[in-house]
Amino acid sequence: MRILTTLLCLSALAFAQDPTEGRKLFETKCGVCHSADTPEARIGPSLKGAKTGMLSSGKYANHTTILKRIDEGGNGMPVFRELLTKRQKEDIISYVLTL
């Protein structure tokens, strides 16, 4: 039982989300198309308001919907599934959910 608990804790640490790192990644990978601090759309919709669960565009925002959009792209957004590591995606999502 101790081994299982230790493995679960290590697993959680391995994928701990870092919104500070996520912000840096957002600025280089996402910020060209998505605004973080204004409700105005750029090439893609603003992500301001994500922490409330609703973007200014009226779209729902939660971990699942953001990860799906990153992985699958759509509506003009490129697919980032293979371009970002799982850790990078988690960091970006943790940052977006602070907006």
PDB file of N, CA and C in Angstrom:
ATOM      1  N   MET A   1       0.823  -1.193   0.000  1.00  0.00           N
ATOM      2  CA  MET A   1       0.000   0.000   0.000  1.00  0.00           C
ATOM      3  C   MET A   1       0.870   1.262   0.000  1.00  0.00           C
ATOM      4  N   ARG A   2       1.962   1.225   0.756  1.00  0.00           N
ATOM      5  CA  ARG A   2       2.857   2.383   0.791  1.00  0.00           C
ATOM      6  C   ARG A   2       3.459   2.681  -0.569  1.00  0.00           C
ATOM      7  N   ILE A   3       3.795   1.625  -1.285  1.00  0.00           N
ATOM      8  CA  ILE A   3       4.386   1.813  -2.608  1.00  0.00           C
ATOM      9  C   ILE A   3       3.380   2.482  -3.537  1.00  0.00           C
ATOM     10  N   LEU A   4       2.144   2.063  -3.490  1.00  0.00           N
ATOM     11  CA  LEU A   4       1.105   2.667  -4.327  1.00  0.00           C
ATOM     12  C   LEU A   4       0.920   4.136  -3.981  1.00  0.00           C
ATOM     13  N   THR A   5       0.879   4.452  -2.706  1.00  0.00           N
ATOM     14  CA  THR A   5       0.732   5.839  -2.268  1.00  0.00           C
ATOM     15  C   THR A   5       1.914   6.678  -2.741  1.00  0.00           C
ATOM     16  N   THR A   6       3.115   6.148  -2.608  1.00  0.00           N
ATOM     17  CA  THR A   6       4.311   6.863  -3.058  1.00  0.00           C
ATOM     18  C   THR A   6       4.270   7.097  -4.558  1.00  0.00           C
ATOM     19  N   LEU A   7       3.889   6.073  -5.315  1.00  0.00           N
ATOM     20  CA  LEU A   7       3.802   6.225  -6.771  1.00  0.00           C
ATOM     21  C   LEU A   7       2.757   7.259  -7.177  1.00  0.00           C
ATOM     22  N   LEU A   8       1.638   7.267  -6.492  1.00  0.00           N
ATOM     23  CA  LEU A   8       0.602   8.268  -6.797  1.00  0.00           C
ATOM     24  C   LEU A   8       1.101   9.672  -6.505  1.00  0.00           C
ATOM     25  N   CYS A   9       1.803   9.842  -5.401  1.00  0.00           N
ATOM     26  CA  CYS A   9       2.346  11.165  -5.055  1.00  0.00           C
ATOM     27  C   CYS A   9       3.387  11.611  -6.076  1.00  0.00           C
ATOM     28  N   LEU A  10       4.262  10.702  -6.475  1.00  0.00           N
ATOM     29  CA  LEU A  10       5.274  11.038  -7.477  1.00  0.00           C
ATOM     30  C   LEU A  10       4.636  11.364  -8.815  1.00  0.00           C
ATOM     31  N   SER A  11       3.603  10.631  -9.169  1.00  0.00           N
ATOM     32  CA  SER A  11       2.885  10.903 -10.408  1.00  0.00           C
ATOM     33  C   SER A  11       2.262  12.294 -10.385  1.00  0.00           C
ATOM     34  N   ALA A  12       1.662  12.649  -9.271  1.00  0.00           N
ATOM     35  CA  ALA A  12       1.056  13.977  -9.139  1.00  0.00           C
ATOM     36  C   ALA A  12       2.113  15.062  -9.239  1.00  0.00           C
ATOM     37  N   LEU A  13       3.275  14.839  -8.642  1.00  0.00           N
ATOM     38  CA  LEU A  13       4.353  15.820  -8.712  1.00  0.00           C
ATOM     39  C   LEU A  13       4.900  15.945 -10.130  1.00  0.00           C
ATOM     40  N   ALA A  14       4.967  14.832 -10.829  1.00  0.00           N
ATOM     41  CA  ALA A  14       5.501  14.847 -12.189  1.00  0.00           C
ATOM     42  C   ALA A  14       4.647  15.689 -13.121  1.00  0.00           C
ATOM     43  N   PHE A  15       3.335  15.757 -12.859  1.00  0.00           N
ATOM     44  CA  PHE A  15       2.448  16.527 -13.713  1.00  0.00           C
ATOM     45  C   PHE A  15       1.831  17.722 -12.994  1.00  0.00           C
ATOM     46  N   ALA A  16       2.512  18.189 -11.943  1.00  0.00           N
ATOM     47  CA  ALA A  16       2.030  19.377 -11.243  1.00  0.00           C
ATOM     48  C   ALA A  16       1.988  20.526 -12.238  1.00  0.00           C
ATOM     49  N   GLN A  17       0.934  21.277 -12.173  1.00  0.00           N
ATOM     50  CA  GLN A  17       0.750  22.376 -13.114  1.00  0.00           C
ATOM     51  C   GLN A  17       1.467  23.615 -12.611  1.00  0.00           C
ATOM     52  N   ASP A  18       2.064  24.348 -13.530  1.00  0.00           N
ATOM     53  CA  ASP A  18       2.808  25.555 -13.197  1.00  0.00           C
ATOM     54  C   ASP A  18       2.286  26.715 -14.037  1.00  0.00           C
ATOM     55  N   PRO A  19       1.372  27.522 -13.464  1.00  0.00           N
ATOM     56  CA  PRO A  19       0.816  28.625 -14.255  1.00  0.00           C
ATOM     57  C   PRO A  19       1.858  29.667 -14.662  1.00  0.00           C
ATOM     58  N   THR A  20       2.930  29.799 -13.897  1.00  0.00           N
ATOM     59  CA  THR A  20       3.980  30.751 -14.267  1.00  0.00           C
ATOM     60  C   THR A  20       4.673  30.298 -15.547  1.00  0.00           C
ATOM     61  N   GLU A  21       4.996  29.025 -15.606  1.00  0.00           N
ATOM     62  CA  GLU A  21       5.583  28.471 -16.822  1.00  0.00           C
ATOM     63  C   GLU A  21       4.549  28.497 -17.949  1.00  0.00           C
ATOM     64  N   GLY A  22       3.297  28.243 -17.594  1.00  0.00           N
ATOM     65  CA  GLY A  22       2.222  28.296 -18.571  1.00  0.00           C
ATOM     66  C   GLY A  22       2.077  29.667 -19.203  1.00  0.00           C
ATOM     67  N   ARG A  23       2.289  30.692 -18.411  1.00  0.00           N
ATOM     68  CA  ARG A  23       2.200  32.062 -18.955  1.00  0.00           C
ATOM     69  C   ARG A  23       3.284  32.284 -20.003  1.00  0.00           C
ATOM     70  N   LYS A  24       4.497  31.845 -19.697  1.00  0.00           N
ATOM     71  CA  LYS A  24       5.592  31.995 -20.664  1.00  0.00           C
ATOM     72  C   LYS A  24       5.277  31.252 -21.961  1.00  0.00           C
ATOM     73  N   LEU A  25       4.798  30.034 -21.820  1.00  0.00           N
ATOM     74  CA  LEU A  25       4.437  29.252 -23.004  1.00  0.00           C
ATOM     75  C   LEU A  25       3.292  29.904 -23.763  1.00  0.00           C
ATOM     76  N   PHE A  26       2.285  30.387 -23.026  1.00  0.00           N
ATOM     77  CA  PHE A  26       1.149  31.056 -23.654  1.00  0.00           C
ATOM     78  C   PHE A  26       1.627  32.242 -24.485  1.00  0.00           C
ATOM     79  N   GLU A  27       2.515  33.043 -23.914  1.00  0.00           N
ATOM     80  CA  GLU A  27       2.990  34.232 -24.611  1.00  0.00           C
ATOM     81  C   GLU A  27       3.715  33.889 -25.903  1.00  0.00           C
ATOM     82  N   THR A  28       4.441  32.755 -25.918  1.00  0.00           N
ATOM     83  CA  THR A  28       5.181  32.396 -27.128  1.00  0.00           C
ATOM     84  C   THR A  28       4.379  31.541 -28.107  1.00  0.00           C
ATOM     85  N   LYS A  29       3.482  30.710 -27.597  1.00  0.00           N
ATOM     86  CA  LYS A  29       2.755  29.769 -28.456  1.00  0.00           C
ATOM     87  C   LYS A  29       1.329  30.199 -28.783  1.00  0.00           C
ATOM     88  N   CYS A  30       0.695  30.937 -27.885  1.00  0.00           N
ATOM     89  CA  CYS A  30      -0.739  31.209 -28.020  1.00  0.00           C
ATOM     90  C   CYS A  30      -1.074  32.701 -28.155  1.00  0.00           C
ATOM     91  N   GLY A  31      -0.233  33.540 -27.558  1.00  0.00           N
ATOM     92  CA  GLY A  31      -0.535  34.963 -27.447  1.00  0.00           C
ATOM     93  C   GLY A  31      -0.642  35.713 -28.751  1.00  0.00           C
ATOM     94  N   VAL A  32      -0.085  35.184 -29.802  1.00  0.00           N
ATOM     95  CA  VAL A  32      -0.200  35.845 -31.103  1.00  0.00           C
ATOM     96  C   VAL A  32      -1.652  35.843 -31.562  1.00  0.00           C
ATOM     97  N   CYS A  33      -2.349  34.762 -31.270  1.00  0.00           N
ATOM     98  CA  CYS A  33      -3.731  34.614 -31.731  1.00  0.00           C
ATOM     99  C   CYS A  33      -4.783  34.880 -30.656  1.00  0.00           C
ATOM    100  N   HIS A  34      -4.419  34.708 -29.385  1.00  0.00           N
ATOM    101  CA  HIS A  34      -5.392  34.819 -28.300  1.00  0.00           C
ATOM    102  C   HIS A  34      -4.978  35.877 -27.292  1.00  0.00           C
ATOM    103  N   SER A  35      -5.895  36.741 -26.951  1.00  0.00           N
ATOM    104  CA  SER A  35      -5.659  37.749 -25.925  1.00  0.00           C
ATOM    105  C   SER A  35      -5.896  37.138 -24.549  1.00  0.00           C
ATOM    106  N   ALA A  36      -5.089  37.570 -23.593  1.00  0.00           N
ATOM    107  CA  ALA A  36      -5.240  37.094 -22.221  1.00  0.00           C
ATOM    108  C   ALA A  36      -5.808  38.178 -21.307  1.00  0.00           C
ATOM    109  N   ASP A  37      -5.697  39.431 -21.713  1.00  0.00           N
ATOM    110  CA  ASP A  37      -6.058  40.512 -20.801  1.00  0.00           C
ATOM    111  C   ASP A  37      -7.153  41.447 -21.300  1.00  0.00           C
ATOM    112  N   THR A  38      -7.712  41.137 -22.425  1.00  0.00           N
ATOM    113  CA  THR A  38      -8.801  41.936 -22.966  1.00  0.00           C
ATOM    114  C   THR A  38      -9.838  40.993 -23.593  1.00  0.00           C
ATOM    115  N   PRO A  39     -11.098  41.364 -23.574  1.00  0.00           N
ATOM    116  CA  PRO A  39     -12.109  40.498 -24.194  1.00  0.00           C
ATOM    117  C   PRO A  39     -12.123  40.562 -25.723  1.00  0.00           C
ATOM    118  N   GLU A  40     -11.315  41.423 -26.293  1.00  0.00           N
ATOM    119  CA  GLU A  40     -11.295  41.574 -27.744  1.00  0.00           C
ATOM    120  C   GLU A  40     -10.611  40.385 -28.410  1.00  0.00           C
ATOM    121  N   ALA A  41     -11.214  39.874 -29.469  1.00  0.00           N
ATOM    122  CA  ALA A  41     -10.656  38.763 -30.226  1.00  0.00           C
ATOM    123  C   ALA A  41      -9.487  39.249 -31.064  1.00  0.00           C
ATOM    124  N   ARG A  42      -8.530  38.384 -31.250  1.00  0.00           N
ATOM    125  CA  ARG A  42      -7.442  38.604 -32.201  1.00  0.00           C
ATOM    126  C   ARG A  42      -7.749  37.685 -33.379  1.00  0.00           C
ATOM    127  N   ILE A  43      -6.801  36.897 -33.793  1.00  0.00           N
ATOM    128  CA  ILE A  43      -7.065  35.909 -34.831  1.00  0.00           C
ATOM    129  C   ILE A  43      -8.035  34.867 -34.282  1.00  0.00           C
ATOM    130  N   GLY A  44      -7.821  34.486 -33.020  1.00  0.00           N
ATOM    131  CA  GLY A  44      -8.712  33.575 -32.309  1.00  0.00           C
ATOM    132  C   GLY A  44      -9.399  34.333 -31.184  1.00  0.00           C
ATOM    133  N   PRO A  45     -10.297  33.695 -30.486  1.00  0.00           N
ATOM    134  CA  PRO A  45     -11.037  34.376 -29.423  1.00  0.00           C
ATOM    135  C   PRO A  45     -10.160  34.722 -28.228  1.00  0.00           C
ATOM    136  N   SER A  46     -10.581  35.732 -27.493  1.00  0.00           N
ATOM    137  CA  SER A  46      -9.922  36.072 -26.240  1.00  0.00           C
ATOM    138  C   SER A  46     -10.147  34.938 -25.252  1.00  0.00           C
ATOM    139  N   LEU A  47      -9.172  34.703 -24.396  1.00  0.00           N
ATOM    140  CA  LEU A  47      -9.321  33.668 -23.380  1.00  0.00           C
ATOM    141  C   LEU A  47      -9.584  34.281 -22.007  1.00  0.00           C
ATOM    142  N   LYS A  48      -9.755  35.589 -21.991  1.00  0.00           N
ATOM    143  CA  LYS A  48     -10.107  36.265 -20.745  1.00  0.00           C
ATOM    144  C   LYS A  48     -11.465  35.746 -20.260  1.00  0.00           C
ATOM    145  N   GLY A  49     -11.544  35.476 -18.981  1.00  0.00           N
ATOM    146  CA  GLY A  49     -12.782  34.972 -18.408  1.00  0.00           C
ATOM    147  C   GLY A  49     -12.785  33.468 -18.216  1.00  0.00           C
ATOM    148  N   ALA A  50     -11.702  32.793 -18.639  1.00  0.00           N
ATOM    149  CA  ALA A  50     -11.651  31.334 -18.535  1.00  0.00           C
ATOM    150  C   ALA A  50     -11.816  30.857 -17.093  1.00  0.00           C
ATOM    151  N   LYS A  51     -11.325  31.643 -16.137  1.00  0.00           N
ATOM    152  CA  LYS A  51     -11.431  31.204 -14.737  1.00  0.00           C
ATOM    153  C   LYS A  51     -12.880  31.146 -14.268  1.00  0.00           C
ATOM    154  N   THR A  52     -13.759  31.851 -14.949  1.00  0.00           N
ATOM    155  CA  THR A  52     -15.181  31.804 -14.591  1.00  0.00           C
ATOM    156  C   THR A  52     -15.897  30.634 -15.265  1.00  0.00           C
ATOM    157  N   GLY A  53     -15.194  29.982 -16.197  1.00  0.00           N
ATOM    158  CA  GLY A  53     -15.800  28.883 -16.930  1.00  0.00           C
ATOM    159  C   GLY A  53     -16.459  29.307 -18.227  1.00  0.00           C
ATOM    160  N   MET A  54     -16.423  30.606 -18.526  1.00  0.00           N
ATOM    161  CA  MET A  54     -17.069  31.107 -19.740  1.00  0.00           C
ATOM    162  C   MET A  54     -16.179  32.185 -20.365  1.00  0.00           C
ATOM    163  N   LEU A  55     -15.808  31.984 -21.608  1.00  0.00           N
ATOM    164  CA  LEU A  55     -15.016  32.976 -22.324  1.00  0.00           C
ATOM    165  C   LEU A  55     -15.902  34.127 -22.782  1.00  0.00           C
ATOM    166  N   SER A  56     -15.275  35.240 -23.124  1.00  0.00           N
ATOM    167  CA  SER A  56     -16.051  36.388 -23.596  1.00  0.00           C
ATOM    168  C   SER A  56     -16.798  36.063 -24.883  1.00  0.00           C
ATOM    169  N   SER A  57     -16.351  35.034 -25.603  1.00  0.00           N
ATOM    170  CA  SER A  57     -17.025  34.619 -26.832  1.00  0.00           C
ATOM    171  C   SER A  57     -18.280  33.789 -26.551  1.00  0.00           C
ATOM    172  N   GLY A  58     -18.502  33.459 -25.269  1.00  0.00           N
ATOM    173  CA  GLY A  58     -19.657  32.654 -24.907  1.00  0.00           C
ATOM    174  C   GLY A  58     -19.371  31.160 -24.882  1.00  0.00           C
ATOM    175  N   LYS A  59     -18.143  30.775 -25.172  1.00  0.00           N
ATOM    176  CA  LYS A  59     -17.752  29.361 -25.155  1.00  0.00           C
ATOM    177  C   LYS A  59     -17.385  28.943 -23.737  1.00  0.00           C
ATOM    178  N   TYR A  60     -17.680  27.676 -23.417  1.00  0.00           N
ATOM    179  CA  TYR A  60     -17.312  27.140 -22.114  1.00  0.00           C
ATOM    180  C   TYR A  60     -15.808  26.911 -22.050  1.00  0.00           C
ATOM    181  N   ALA A  61     -15.241  27.136 -20.877  1.00  0.00           N
ATOM    182  CA  ALA A  61     -13.806  26.927 -20.681  1.00  0.00           C
ATOM    183  C   ALA A  61     -13.586  26.126 -19.408  1.00  0.00           C
ATOM    184  N   ASN A  62     -13.038  24.945 -19.579  1.00  0.00           N
ATOM    185  CA  ASN A  62     -12.587  24.148 -18.450  1.00  0.00           C
ATOM    186  C   ASN A  62     -11.409  23.315 -18.944  1.00  0.00           C
ATOM    187  N   HIS A  63     -10.823  22.562 -18.058  1.00  0.00           N
ATOM    188  CA  HIS A  63      -9.636  21.794 -18.432  1.00  0.00           C
ATOM    189  C   HIS A  63      -9.902  20.924 -19.662  1.00  0.00           C
ATOM    190  N   THR A  64     -11.004  20.219 -19.657  1.00  0.00           N
ATOM    191  CA  THR A  64     -11.313  19.285 -20.737  1.00  0.00           C
ATOM    192  C   THR A  64     -11.487  19.992 -22.078  1.00  0.00           C
ATOM    193  N   THR A  65     -12.236  21.078 -22.101  1.00  0.00           N
ATOM    194  CA  THR A  65     -12.484  21.766 -23.376  1.00  0.00           C
ATOM    195  C   THR A  65     -11.216  22.440 -23.911  1.00  0.00           C
ATOM    196  N   ILE A  66     -10.398  22.969 -23.007  1.00  0.00           N
ATOM    197  CA  ILE A  66      -9.157  23.616 -23.449  1.00  0.00           C
ATOM    198  C   ILE A  66      -8.187  22.574 -23.994  1.00  0.00           C
ATOM    199  N   LEU A  67      -8.024  21.461 -23.284  1.00  0.00           N
ATOM    200  CA  LEU A  67      -7.122  20.407 -23.748  1.00  0.00           C
ATOM    201  C   LEU A  67      -7.582  19.854 -25.098  1.00  0.00           C
ATOM    202  N   LYS A  68      -8.869  19.671 -25.258  1.00  0.00           N
ATOM    203  CA  LYS A  68      -9.391  19.163 -26.528  1.00  0.00           C
ATOM    204  C   LYS A  68      -9.062  20.122 -27.666  1.00  0.00           C
ATOM    205  N   ARG A  69      -9.224  21.406 -27.438  1.00  0.00           N
ATOM    206  CA  ARG A  69      -8.936  22.394 -28.489  1.00  0.00           C
ATOM    207  C   ARG A  69      -7.439  22.411 -28.808  1.00  0.00           C
ATOM    208  N   ILE A  70      -6.587  22.308 -27.779  1.00  0.00           N
ATOM    209  CA  ILE A  70      -5.143  22.262 -28.015  1.00  0.00           C
ATOM    210  C   ILE A  70      -4.796  21.029 -28.849  1.00  0.00           C
ATOM    211  N   ASP A  71      -5.338  19.890 -28.468  1.00  0.00           N
ATOM    212  CA  ASP A  71      -5.011  18.635 -29.145  1.00  0.00           C
ATOM    213  C   ASP A  71      -5.606  18.515 -30.536  1.00  0.00           C
ATOM    214  N   GLU A  72      -6.805  19.035 -30.732  1.00  0.00           N
ATOM    215  CA  GLU A  72      -7.503  18.832 -32.001  1.00  0.00           C
ATOM    216  C   GLU A  72      -7.551  20.067 -32.895  1.00  0.00           C
ATOM    217  N   GLY A  73      -7.263  21.247 -32.341  1.00  0.00           N
ATOM    218  CA  GLY A  73      -7.372  22.462 -33.137  1.00  0.00           C
ATOM    219  C   GLY A  73      -8.821  22.679 -33.559  1.00  0.00           C
ATOM    220  N   GLY A  74      -8.993  23.353 -34.664  1.00  0.00           N
ATOM    221  CA  GLY A  74     -10.330  23.578 -35.213  1.00  0.00           C
ATOM    222  C   GLY A  74     -10.669  25.044 -35.309  1.00  0.00           C
ATOM    223  N   ASN A  75     -11.579  25.370 -36.196  1.00  0.00           N
ATOM    224  CA  ASN A  75     -11.997  26.756 -36.443  1.00  0.00           C
ATOM    225  C   ASN A  75     -10.801  27.668 -36.722  1.00  0.00           C
ATOM    226  N   GLY A  76      -9.840  27.149 -37.471  1.00  0.00           N
ATOM    227  CA  GLY A  76      -8.670  27.928 -37.842  1.00  0.00           C
ATOM    228  C   GLY A  76      -7.477  27.723 -36.918  1.00  0.00           C
ATOM    229  N   MET A  77      -7.686  27.119 -35.757  1.00  0.00           N
ATOM    230  CA  MET A  77      -6.574  26.878 -34.838  1.00  0.00           C
ATOM    231  C   MET A  77      -5.844  25.604 -35.255  1.00  0.00           C
ATOM    232  N   PRO A  78      -4.503  25.683 -35.314  1.00  0.00           N
ATOM    233  CA  PRO A  78      -3.753  24.478 -35.680  1.00  0.00           C
ATOM    234  C   PRO A  78      -3.790  23.425 -34.573  1.00  0.00           C
ATOM    235  N   VAL A  79      -3.486  22.208 -34.937  1.00  0.00           N
ATOM    236  CA  VAL A  79      -3.396  21.097 -33.991  1.00  0.00           C
ATOM    237  C   VAL A  79      -2.043  21.177 -33.274  1.00  0.00           C
ATOM    238  N   PHE A  80      -2.085  21.179 -31.949  1.00  0.00           N
ATOM    239  CA  PHE A  80      -0.855  21.238 -31.153  1.00  0.00           C
ATOM    240  C   PHE A  80      -0.569  19.920 -30.439  1.00  0.00           C
ATOM    241  N   ARG A  81      -1.320  18.870 -30.752  1.00  0.00           N
ATOM    242  CA  ARG A  81      -1.194  17.580 -30.059  1.00  0.00           C
ATOM    243  C   ARG A  81       0.260  17.122 -29.965  1.00  0.00           C
ATOM    244  N   GLU A  82       0.967  17.138 -31.068  1.00  0.00           N
ATOM    245  CA  GLU A  82       2.348  16.647 -31.102  1.00  0.00           C
ATOM    246  C   GLU A  82       3.375  17.768 -30.935  1.00  0.00           C
ATOM    247  N   LEU A  83       2.925  19.004 -30.921  1.00  0.00           N
ATOM    248  CA  LEU A  83       3.850  20.131 -30.832  1.00  0.00           C
ATOM    249  C   LEU A  83       4.164  20.541 -29.394  1.00  0.00           C
ATOM    250  N   LEU A  84       3.340  20.102 -28.462  1.00  0.00           N
ATOM    251  CA  LEU A  84       3.543  20.421 -27.048  1.00  0.00           C
ATOM    252  C   LEU A  84       3.570  19.127 -26.242  1.00  0.00           C
ATOM    253  N   THR A  85       4.393  19.110 -25.219  1.00  0.00           N
ATOM    254  CA  THR A  85       4.406  17.948 -24.331  1.00  0.00           C
ATOM    255  C   THR A  85       3.178  17.991 -23.427  1.00  0.00           C
ATOM    256  N   LYS A  86       2.898  16.870 -22.790  1.00  0.00           N
ATOM    257  CA  LYS A  86       1.780  16.837 -21.842  1.00  0.00           C
ATOM    258  C   LYS A  86       1.991  17.882 -20.749  1.00  0.00           C
ATOM    259  N   ARG A  87       3.196  18.003 -20.261  1.00  0.00           N
ATOM    260  CA  ARG A  87       3.518  18.975 -19.211  1.00  0.00           C
ATOM    261  C   ARG A  87       3.264  20.403 -19.702  1.00  0.00           C
ATOM    262  N   GLN A  88       3.698  20.718 -20.906  1.00  0.00           N
ATOM    263  CA  GLN A  88       3.483  22.056 -21.457  1.00  0.00           C
ATOM    264  C   GLN A  88       1.998  22.362 -21.582  1.00  0.00           C
ATOM    265  N   LYS A  89       1.228  21.392 -22.044  1.00  0.00           N
ATOM    266  CA  LYS A  89      -0.215  21.592 -22.172  1.00  0.00           C
ATOM    267  C   LYS A  89      -0.838  21.862 -20.806  1.00  0.00           C
ATOM    268  N   GLU A  90      -0.451  21.081 -19.811  1.00  0.00           N
ATOM    269  CA  GLU A  90      -0.995  21.264 -18.460  1.00  0.00           C
ATOM    270  C   GLU A  90      -0.624  22.637 -17.903  1.00  0.00           C
ATOM    271  N   ASP A  91       0.602  23.080 -18.150  1.00  0.00           N
ATOM    272  CA  ASP A  91       1.030  24.398 -17.682  1.00  0.00           C
ATOM    273  C   ASP A  91       0.227  25.507 -18.364  1.00  0.00           C
ATOM    274  N   ILE A  92       0.035  25.392 -19.675  1.00  0.00           N
ATOM    275  CA  ILE A  92      -0.749  26.402 -20.405  1.00  0.00           C
ATOM    276  C   ILE A  92      -2.183  26.423 -19.886  1.00  0.00           C
ATOM    277  N   ILE A  93      -2.779  25.261 -19.713  1.00  0.00           N
ATOM    278  CA  ILE A  93      -4.158  25.193 -19.220  1.00  0.00           C
ATOM    279  C   ILE A  93      -4.254  25.802 -17.829  1.00  0.00           C
ATOM    280  N   SER A  94      -3.281  25.508 -16.968  1.00  0.00           N
ATOM    281  CA  SER A  94      -3.331  26.073 -15.613  1.00  0.00           C
ATOM    282  C   SER A  94      -3.263  27.595 -15.664  1.00  0.00           C
ATOM    283  N   TYR A  95      -2.481  28.140 -16.602  1.00  0.00           N
ATOM    284  CA  TYR A  95      -2.423  29.602 -16.749  1.00  0.00           C
ATOM    285  C   TYR A  95      -3.729  30.152 -17.315  1.00  0.00           C
ATOM    286  N   VAL A  96      -4.235  29.547 -18.372  1.00  0.00           N
ATOM    287  CA  VAL A  96      -5.468  30.035 -18.998  1.00  0.00           C
ATOM    288  C   VAL A  96      -6.612  30.049 -17.976  1.00  0.00           C
ATOM    289  N   LEU A  97      -6.633  29.068 -17.099  1.00  0.00           N
ATOM    290  CA  LEU A  97      -7.709  29.018 -16.100  1.00  0.00           C
ATOM    291  C   LEU A  97      -7.539  30.037 -14.977  1.00  0.00           C
ATOM    292  N   THR A  98      -6.493  30.877 -15.072  1.00  0.00           N
ATOM    293  CA  THR A  98      -6.351  32.006 -14.141  1.00  0.00           C
ATOM    294  C   THR A  98      -6.855  33.309 -14.765  1.00  0.00           C
ATOM    295  N   LEU A  99      -7.167  33.277 -16.047  1.00  0.00           N
ATOM    296  CA  LEU A  99      -7.530  34.510 -16.774  1.00  0.00           C
ATOM    297  C   LEU A  99      -8.958  34.929 -16.512  1.00  0.00           C
TER     298      LEU A  99
END
